[in-house]
């Protein structure tokens, strides 16, 4: 999957990956959707990424996506209002965002799966609408906005949409032994 380099590709790939994720979820039985993952301990022992241990079920994965949408929406919204805001909320940094991800998971342990699905559907629509409002130049010119640092706004949008959806798809396929 090539990384988007323009607005059209970003919107198209984000929507395509989101629909793939939705179709994968529909493919799962209700029991699979509600149950915890059962990764082989030998497999987990070789995985360096924290998410293999952190996310225990479909709800956790969907909530993770939703919460990262919220980060993006808040960050863009505040900065557009002139309120200098970091993408990651204090006290988290690029070095400690794993702790944030664990806190986000913990926050939603009582969130029902159906609610997680609805939250993600709504936040996906909000993010896509937000992306639509930006021009190609605003999205893909590095440092166009001072608050994006040396990267582009589009890079953040890719991370919160198509790349993150791809991560979720791969994780779910591994969890349910789907090729």
Foldseek 3Di string as FASTA:
>chain_A
DDQDQWLVCLLVLLVVLVVVLVVVLVVDDPCQQPAWFDADVVVVVPDPDPVVVQGGHNLLLLLLLLVLLVLLVVCVVCVVVVNQDASDHPPDDPVRCVVVSNVSSVVCPVPDSVNSVVSSVVSSVVLSVVSVPDHRCQANPACPDVSNPRGGNVVSSCVSGNVSSVVSSVVVCSRVVND
